[in-house]
Amino acid sequence: MMMEQSISSTKLEQLRNRINDEDYLYEAIQRIALVLSNELLDTFKERKYDGRRKKRG
């Protein structure tokens, strides 16, 4: 049990250090933005080509 606590504490400390690193935060935000953008584009493409597209006229 004691070993698990020190491993968790070590990981927690590493995460704290990363959060305080501006470069890490910038890269993390960029990755999140890329994933969200890709998801939005995929959703748009699925809607456009699955027969739900509005007909003109």
C-alpha atoms as a PDB file:
ATOM      1  CA  MET A   1       0.000   0.000   0.000  1.00  0.00           C
ATOM      2  CA  MET A   2       2.803   2.394   0.874  1.00  0.00           C
ATOM      3  CA  MET A   3       4.511   1.711  -2.468  1.00  0.00           C
ATOM      4  CA  GLU A   4       1.298   2.572  -4.360  1.00  0.00           C
ATOM      5  CA  GLN A   5       1.038   5.885  -2.533  1.00  0.00           C
ATOM      6  CA  SER A   6       4.599   6.924  -3.387  1.00  0.00           C
ATOM      7  CA  ILE A   7       4.093   5.988  -7.058  1.00  0.00           C
ATOM      8  CA  SER A   8       0.890   8.004  -7.157  1.00  0.00           C
ATOM      9  CA  SER A   9       2.632  10.908  -5.433  1.00  0.00           C
ATOM     10  CA  THR A  10       5.461  10.753  -7.951  1.00  0.00           C
ATOM     11  CA  LYS A  11       3.061  10.775 -10.903  1.00  0.00           C
ATOM     12  CA  LEU A  12       1.093  13.601  -9.346  1.00  0.00           C
ATOM     13  CA  GLU A  13       4.264  15.636  -8.889  1.00  0.00           C
ATOM     14  CA  GLN A  14       5.227  15.022 -12.525  1.00  0.00           C
ATOM     15  CA  LEU A  15       1.815  16.232 -13.664  1.00  0.00           C
ATOM     16  CA  ARG A  16       2.125  19.342 -11.514  1.00  0.00           C
ATOM     17  CA  ASN A  17       5.485  20.102 -13.080  1.00  0.00           C
ATOM     18  CA  ARG A  18       4.068  19.672 -16.577  1.00  0.00           C
ATOM     19  CA  ILE A  19       1.123  21.959 -15.896  1.00  0.00           C
ATOM     20  CA  ASN A  20       3.534  24.694 -14.832  1.00  0.00           C
ATOM     21  CA  ASP A  21       5.512  24.328 -18.081  1.00  0.00           C
ATOM     22  CA  GLU A  22       4.162  26.821 -20.635  1.00  0.00           C
ATOM     23  CA  ASP A  23       5.500  24.843 -23.599  1.00  0.00           C
ATOM     24  CA  TYR A  24       3.744  21.697 -22.406  1.00  0.00           C
ATOM     25  CA  LEU A  25       0.461  23.565 -21.936  1.00  0.00           C
ATOM     26  CA  TYR A  26       0.732  25.159 -25.369  1.00  0.00           C
ATOM     27  CA  GLU A  27       1.349  21.778 -27.008  1.00  0.00           C
ATOM     28  CA  ALA A  28      -1.505  20.175 -25.056  1.00  0.00           C
ATOM     29  CA  ILE A  29      -3.906  22.920 -26.155  1.00  0.00           C
ATOM     30  CA  GLN A  30      -2.782  22.495 -29.758  1.00  0.00           C
ATOM     31  CA  ARG A  31      -3.397  18.726 -29.582  1.00  0.00           C
ATOM     32  CA  ILE A  32      -6.859  19.255 -28.118  1.00  0.00           C
ATOM     33  CA  ALA A  33      -7.704  21.805 -30.811  1.00  0.00           C
ATOM     34  CA  LEU A  34      -6.523  19.434 -33.545  1.00  0.00           C
ATOM     35  CA  VAL A  35      -8.587  16.528 -32.221  1.00  0.00           C
ATOM     36  CA  LEU A  36     -11.697  18.684 -31.872  1.00  0.00           C
ATOM     37  CA  SER A  37     -11.248  20.133 -35.354  1.00  0.00           C
ATOM     38  CA  ASN A  38     -10.885  16.673 -36.859  1.00  0.00           C
ATOM     39  CA  GLU A  39     -13.976  15.459 -35.030  1.00  0.00           C
ATOM     40  CA  LEU A  40     -15.998  18.418 -36.279  1.00  0.00           C
ATOM     41  CA  LEU A  41     -14.827  17.889 -39.850  1.00  0.00           C
ATOM     42  CA  ASP A  42     -15.642  14.174 -39.699  1.00  0.00           C
ATOM     43  CA  THR A  43     -19.121  14.938 -38.353  1.00  0.00           C
ATOM     44  CA  PHE A  44     -19.699  17.489 -41.114  1.00  0.00           C
ATOM     45  CA  LYS A  45     -18.568  15.042 -43.800  1.00  0.00           C
ATOM     46  CA  GLU A  46     -20.817  12.283 -42.427  1.00  0.00           C
ATOM     47  CA  ARG A  47     -23.851  14.560 -42.427  1.00  0.00           C
ATOM     48  CA  LYS A  48     -23.084  15.860 -45.888  1.00  0.00           C
ATOM     49  CA  TYR A  49     -22.860  12.420 -47.487  1.00  0.00           C
ATOM     50  CA  ASP A  50     -25.333  10.300 -45.551  1.00  0.00           C
ATOM     51  CA  GLY A  51     -28.443  11.474 -47.396  1.00  0.00           C
ATOM     52  CA  ARG A  52     -29.454  14.217 -45.001  1.00  0.00           C
ATOM     53  CA  ARG A  53     -28.114  16.944 -47.205  1.00  0.00           C
ATOM     54  CA  LYS A  54     -30.694  19.555 -48.060  1.00  0.00           C
ATOM     55  CA  LYS A  55     -31.885  19.518 -51.636  1.00  0.00           C
ATOM     56  CA  ARG A  56     -31.796  22.761 -53.571  1.00  0.00           C
ATOM     57  CA  GLY A  57     -34.765  23.974 -55.412  1.00  0.00           C
END
